[in-house]
Amino acid sequence: MYLLCVSLIVLVSVLMCLIVLIQNSKGGGLAAGFASSNQIMGVRKTTDFLEKATWTLAGLMVVISILAAYSIPSADVVDSFDAQAVETYETAAGNAELPVEE
């Protein structure tokens, strides 16, 4: 589950970067509000879609990040795997015959 969440975060991040790069920079501070009245209706709808897509992807990234935080493997699980590996190694080493030097 954790790897799936991380993969989705990477995918959403790439999509968000592309959408942000497509958008025109608004800039202009307070003058940006007056400049929007001169835009053609089609361009305005495109910017609305891109803005909604940006906010949707940002929200999706937050939700997936929270899910990833809850699905991180705990240290106990990792330690049990390490302990099992050490036990297997010790058992194998105890069963092996050591060469006798003459």
N, C-alpha and C. Protein backbone atom coordinates (compact mmCIF):
# COMPACT_ATOMS: atom_id res chain seq x y z
N MET A 1 0.82 -1.19 0.00
CA MET A 1 0.00 0.00 0.00
C MET A 1 0.87 1.26 0.00
N TYR A 2 1.96 1.19 0.77
CA TYR A 2 2.85 2.35 0.86
C TYR A 2 3.48 2.66 -0.49
N LEU A 3 3.96 1.64 -1.19
CA LEU A 3 4.58 1.87 -2.50
C LEU A 3 3.57 2.39 -3.52
N LEU A 4 2.33 1.93 -3.43
CA LEU A 4 1.28 2.44 -4.30
C LEU A 4 1.05 3.92 -4.04
N CYS A 5 1.00 4.31 -2.77
CA CYS A 5 0.80 5.72 -2.42
C CYS A 5 1.96 6.58 -2.93
N VAL A 6 3.17 6.10 -2.76
CA VAL A 6 4.34 6.86 -3.23
C VAL A 6 4.30 7.00 -4.75
N SER A 7 3.93 5.93 -5.44
CA SER A 7 3.84 5.99 -6.90
C SER A 7 2.78 7.00 -7.34
N LEU A 8 1.64 7.00 -6.66
CA LEU A 8 0.59 7.96 -7.00
C LEU A 8 1.03 9.40 -6.71
N ILE A 9 1.77 9.60 -5.63
CA ILE A 9 2.26 10.95 -5.32
C ILE A 9 3.20 11.43 -6.41
N VAL A 10 4.06 10.57 -6.89
CA VAL A 10 4.98 10.95 -7.98
C VAL A 10 4.19 11.28 -9.24
N LEU A 11 3.20 10.47 -9.57
CA LEU A 11 2.38 10.72 -10.76
C LEU A 11 1.63 12.04 -10.65
N VAL A 12 1.01 12.30 -9.50
CA VAL A 12 0.28 13.54 -9.29
C VAL A 12 1.22 14.73 -9.34
N SER A 13 2.43 14.58 -8.81
CA SER A 13 3.41 15.66 -8.84
C SER A 13 3.81 16.03 -10.26
N VAL A 14 4.03 15.01 -11.07
CA VAL A 14 4.41 15.26 -12.47
C VAL A 14 3.26 15.95 -13.21
N LEU A 15 2.03 15.47 -12.99
CA LEU A 15 0.87 16.10 -13.63
C LEU A 15 0.71 17.55 -13.18
N MET A 16 0.92 17.79 -11.89
CA MET A 16 0.78 19.15 -11.39
C MET A 16 1.85 20.06 -11.98
N CYS A 17 3.06 19.57 -12.11
CA CYS A 17 4.13 20.37 -12.74
C CYS A 17 3.76 20.74 -14.18
N LEU A 18 3.23 19.77 -14.93
CA LEU A 18 2.85 20.04 -16.31
C LEU A 18 1.72 21.06 -16.39
N ILE A 19 0.73 20.93 -15.53
CA ILE A 19 -0.39 21.86 -15.56
C ILE A 19 0.05 23.27 -15.17
N VAL A 20 0.93 23.37 -14.17
CA VAL A 20 1.41 24.68 -13.76
C VAL A 20 2.24 25.32 -14.88
N LEU A 21 3.01 24.52 -15.60
CA LEU A 21 3.81 25.06 -16.70
C LEU A 21 2.93 25.52 -17.87
N ILE A 22 1.77 24.89 -18.05
CA ILE A 22 0.87 25.27 -19.14
C ILE A 22 0.20 26.61 -18.85
N GLN A 23 -0.06 26.89 -17.59
CA GLN A 23 -0.80 28.10 -17.22
C GLN A 23 0.00 29.35 -17.55
N ASN A 24 -0.73 30.40 -17.91
CA ASN A 24 -0.11 31.70 -18.09
C ASN A 24 0.10 32.33 -16.72
N SER A 25 1.22 33.00 -16.57
CA SER A 25 1.44 33.66 -15.29
C SER A 25 0.50 34.87 -15.21
N LYS A 26 -0.11 35.03 -14.07
CA LYS A 26 -1.07 36.13 -13.92
C LYS A 26 -0.34 37.42 -13.58
N GLY A 27 0.48 37.38 -12.56
CA GLY A 27 1.29 38.53 -12.18
C GLY A 27 0.48 39.82 -12.07
N GLY A 28 1.15 40.93 -11.97
CA GLY A 28 0.50 42.22 -12.00
C GLY A 28 -0.13 42.65 -10.70
N GLY A 29 -0.10 41.83 -9.67
CA GLY A 29 -0.67 42.21 -8.39
C GLY A 29 -2.15 42.53 -8.49
N LEU A 30 -2.55 43.71 -8.05
CA LEU A 30 -3.96 44.11 -8.06
C LEU A 30 -4.47 44.37 -9.47
N ALA A 31 -3.59 44.67 -10.40
CA ALA A 31 -4.01 44.95 -11.77
C ALA A 31 -4.49 43.69 -12.49
N ALA A 32 -4.18 42.52 -11.96
CA ALA A 32 -4.59 41.27 -12.60
C ALA A 32 -6.10 41.13 -12.62
N GLY A 33 -6.79 41.69 -11.64
CA GLY A 33 -8.25 41.60 -11.60
C GLY A 33 -8.91 42.39 -12.72
N PHE A 34 -8.32 43.49 -13.11
CA PHE A 34 -8.88 44.30 -14.19
C PHE A 34 -8.55 43.74 -15.56
N ALA A 35 -7.46 43.04 -15.69
CA ALA A 35 -7.05 42.50 -16.98
C ALA A 35 -7.92 41.32 -17.40
N SER A 36 -8.54 40.63 -16.44
CA SER A 36 -9.33 39.45 -16.80
C SER A 36 -10.60 39.80 -17.58
N SER A 37 -11.08 41.04 -17.48
CA SER A 37 -12.30 41.41 -18.21
C SER A 37 -12.04 41.52 -19.71
N ASN A 38 -10.80 41.62 -20.13
CA ASN A 38 -10.48 41.74 -21.55
C ASN A 38 -10.27 40.40 -22.24
N GLN A 39 -10.32 39.30 -21.49
CA GLN A 39 -10.04 38.00 -22.08
C GLN A 39 -11.25 37.49 -22.86
N ILE A 40 -10.94 36.69 -23.88
CA ILE A 40 -12.00 36.04 -24.66
C ILE A 40 -12.58 34.91 -23.80
N MET A 41 -13.86 34.62 -23.99
CA MET A 41 -14.54 33.65 -23.13
C MET A 41 -13.87 32.28 -23.17
N GLY A 42 -13.41 31.81 -24.31
CA GLY A 42 -12.77 30.50 -24.40
C GLY A 42 -11.50 30.43 -23.60
N VAL A 43 -10.72 31.47 -23.62
CA VAL A 43 -9.48 31.50 -22.86
C VAL A 43 -9.79 31.49 -21.37
N ARG A 44 -10.82 32.19 -20.97
CA ARG A 44 -11.19 32.24 -19.55
C ARG A 44 -11.62 30.86 -19.05
N LYS A 45 -12.37 30.12 -19.88
CA LYS A 45 -12.80 28.78 -19.48
C LYS A 45 -11.61 27.85 -19.35
N THR A 46 -10.62 28.00 -20.24
CA THR A 46 -9.42 27.17 -20.16
C THR A 46 -8.66 27.45 -18.88
N THR A 47 -8.52 28.72 -18.52
CA THR A 47 -7.81 29.03 -17.28
C THR A 47 -8.58 28.54 -16.07
N ASP A 48 -9.92 28.58 -16.13
CA ASP A 48 -10.72 28.05 -15.03
C ASP A 48 -10.48 26.55 -14.87
N PHE A 49 -10.45 25.83 -15.99
CA PHE A 49 -10.21 24.39 -15.94
C PHE A 49 -8.83 24.09 -15.37
N LEU A 50 -7.82 24.82 -15.84
CA LEU A 50 -6.46 24.58 -15.35
C LEU A 50 -6.34 24.90 -13.86
N GLU A 51 -7.01 25.94 -13.43
CA GLU A 51 -6.97 26.28 -12.01
C GLU A 51 -7.67 25.22 -11.16
N LYS A 52 -8.81 24.73 -11.63
CA LYS A 52 -9.52 23.67 -10.90
C LYS A 52 -8.70 22.38 -10.89
N ALA A 53 -8.05 22.08 -12.00
CA ALA A 53 -7.21 20.88 -12.06
C ALA A 53 -6.04 21.00 -11.09
N THR A 54 -5.45 22.19 -10.98
CA THR A 54 -4.33 22.40 -10.06
C THR A 54 -4.79 22.19 -8.62
N TRP A 55 -5.93 22.78 -8.25
CA TRP A 55 -6.43 22.62 -6.89
C TRP A 55 -6.83 21.18 -6.60
N THR A 56 -7.41 20.51 -7.58
CA THR A 56 -7.81 19.11 -7.40
C THR A 56 -6.59 18.23 -7.19
N LEU A 57 -5.56 18.43 -8.00
CA LEU A 57 -4.34 17.63 -7.84
C LEU A 57 -3.65 17.93 -6.52
N ALA A 58 -3.67 19.19 -6.08
CA ALA A 58 -3.07 19.54 -4.79
C ALA A 58 -3.81 18.85 -3.65
N GLY A 59 -5.13 18.87 -3.70
CA GLY A 59 -5.92 18.18 -2.67
C GLY A 59 -5.69 16.68 -2.70
N LEU A 60 -5.61 16.12 -3.90
CA LEU A 60 -5.36 14.69 -4.05
C LEU A 60 -4.00 14.32 -3.47
N MET A 61 -3.01 15.18 -3.68
CA MET A 61 -1.69 14.91 -3.15
C MET A 61 -1.69 14.93 -1.62
N VAL A 62 -2.45 15.83 -1.02
CA VAL A 62 -2.55 15.88 0.44
C VAL A 62 -3.19 14.61 0.98
N VAL A 63 -4.29 14.17 0.34
CA VAL A 63 -4.99 12.97 0.80
C VAL A 63 -4.09 11.74 0.66
N ILE A 64 -3.42 11.61 -0.47
CA ILE A 64 -2.54 10.45 -0.68
C ILE A 64 -1.36 10.49 0.29
N SER A 65 -0.86 11.68 0.59
CA SER A 65 0.24 11.80 1.56
C SER A 65 -0.18 11.33 2.94
N ILE A 66 -1.40 11.68 3.34
CA ILE A 66 -1.91 11.23 4.64
C ILE A 66 -2.07 9.71 4.65
N LEU A 67 -2.60 9.15 3.55
CA LEU A 67 -2.72 7.69 3.46
C LEU A 67 -1.36 7.02 3.50
N ALA A 68 -0.38 7.63 2.85
CA ALA A 68 0.97 7.06 2.86
C ALA A 68 1.56 7.09 4.26
N ALA A 69 1.27 8.15 5.01
CA ALA A 69 1.79 8.24 6.38
C ALA A 69 1.20 7.15 7.26
N TYR A 70 -0.06 6.80 7.04
CA TYR A 70 -0.68 5.74 7.83
C TYR A 70 -0.25 4.35 7.38
N SER A 71 0.22 4.22 6.16
CA SER A 71 0.57 2.89 5.65
C SER A 71 2.07 2.62 5.65
N ILE A 72 2.86 3.49 6.27
CA ILE A 72 4.31 3.25 6.36
C ILE A 72 4.53 1.99 7.19
N PRO A 73 5.39 1.10 6.71
CA PRO A 73 5.67 -0.10 7.50
C PRO A 73 6.29 0.29 8.84
N SER A 74 5.81 -0.34 9.91
CA SER A 74 6.32 0.00 11.23
C SER A 74 7.69 -0.61 11.46
N ALA A 75 8.40 -0.10 12.44
CA ALA A 75 9.74 -0.60 12.75
C ALA A 75 9.68 -2.03 13.27
N ASP A 76 8.58 -2.41 13.93
CA ASP A 76 8.44 -3.77 14.45
C ASP A 76 8.43 -4.79 13.33
N VAL A 77 7.76 -4.46 12.24
CA VAL A 77 7.70 -5.38 11.10
C VAL A 77 9.08 -5.55 10.49
N VAL A 78 9.79 -4.45 10.33
CA VAL A 78 11.13 -4.51 9.75
C VAL A 78 12.06 -5.27 10.68
N ASP A 79 11.96 -5.03 11.99
CA ASP A 79 12.82 -5.73 12.95
C ASP A 79 12.54 -7.22 12.96
N SER A 80 11.29 -7.62 12.81
CA SER A 80 10.97 -9.05 12.80
C SER A 80 11.56 -9.72 11.57
N PHE A 81 11.57 -9.02 10.43
CA PHE A 81 12.20 -9.58 9.25
C PHE A 81 13.71 -9.70 9.45
N ASP A 82 14.32 -8.68 10.06
CA ASP A 82 15.75 -8.72 10.33
C ASP A 82 16.09 -9.84 11.31
N ALA A 83 15.27 -9.99 12.34
CA ALA A 83 15.51 -11.04 13.33
C ALA A 83 15.39 -12.42 12.70
N GLN A 84 14.42 -12.57 11.81
CA GLN A 84 14.24 -13.85 11.14
C GLN A 84 15.44 -14.15 10.23
N ALA A 85 15.95 -13.13 9.56
CA ALA A 85 17.11 -13.33 8.69
C ALA A 85 18.34 -13.70 9.50
N VAL A 86 18.54 -13.05 10.65
CA VAL A 86 19.69 -13.36 11.51
C VAL A 86 19.56 -14.78 12.04
N GLU A 87 18.34 -15.16 12.45
CA GLU A 87 18.13 -16.50 12.97
C GLU A 87 18.40 -17.55 11.91
N THR A 88 17.96 -17.30 10.70
CA THR A 88 18.21 -18.24 9.59
C THR A 88 19.70 -18.35 9.32
N TYR A 89 20.40 -17.22 9.36
CA TYR A 89 21.85 -17.22 9.10
C TYR A 89 22.57 -17.98 10.20
N GLU A 90 22.19 -17.76 11.46
CA GLU A 90 22.85 -18.45 12.56
C GLU A 90 22.59 -19.94 12.51
N THR A 91 21.39 -20.34 12.15
CA THR A 91 21.05 -21.76 12.03
C THR A 91 21.88 -22.40 10.92
N ALA A 92 21.97 -21.71 9.80
CA ALA A 92 22.75 -22.24 8.67
C ALA A 92 24.24 -22.30 9.03
N ALA A 93 24.72 -21.30 9.74
CA ALA A 93 26.13 -21.29 10.13
C ALA A 93 26.42 -22.37 11.17
N GLY A 94 25.44 -22.64 12.04
CA GLY A 94 25.64 -23.69 13.07
C GLY A 94 25.63 -25.07 12.46
N ASN A 95 24.91 -25.27 11.39
CA ASN A 95 24.82 -26.57 10.75
C ASN A 95 25.97 -26.83 9.78
N ALA A 96 26.69 -25.79 9.42
CA ALA A 96 27.77 -25.96 8.45
C ALA A 96 28.99 -26.56 9.15
N GLU A 97 29.68 -27.38 8.43
CA GLU A 97 30.91 -27.98 8.97
C GLU A 97 32.07 -27.05 8.67
N LEU A 98 32.84 -26.81 9.69
CA LEU A 98 34.01 -25.97 9.51
C LEU A 98 35.16 -26.82 9.01
N PRO A 99 35.98 -26.29 8.12
CA PRO A 99 37.14 -27.07 7.66
C PRO A 99 38.16 -27.23 8.78
N VAL A 100 38.70 -28.41 8.84
CA VAL A 100 39.67 -28.72 9.89
C VAL A 100 41.06 -28.56 9.28
N GLU A 101 41.87 -27.76 9.96
CA GLU A 101 43.23 -27.56 9.45
C GLU A 101 44.13 -28.63 10.07
N GLU A 102 44.94 -29.23 9.29
CA GLU A 102 45.85 -30.27 9.77
C GLU A 102 47.27 -29.83 9.76
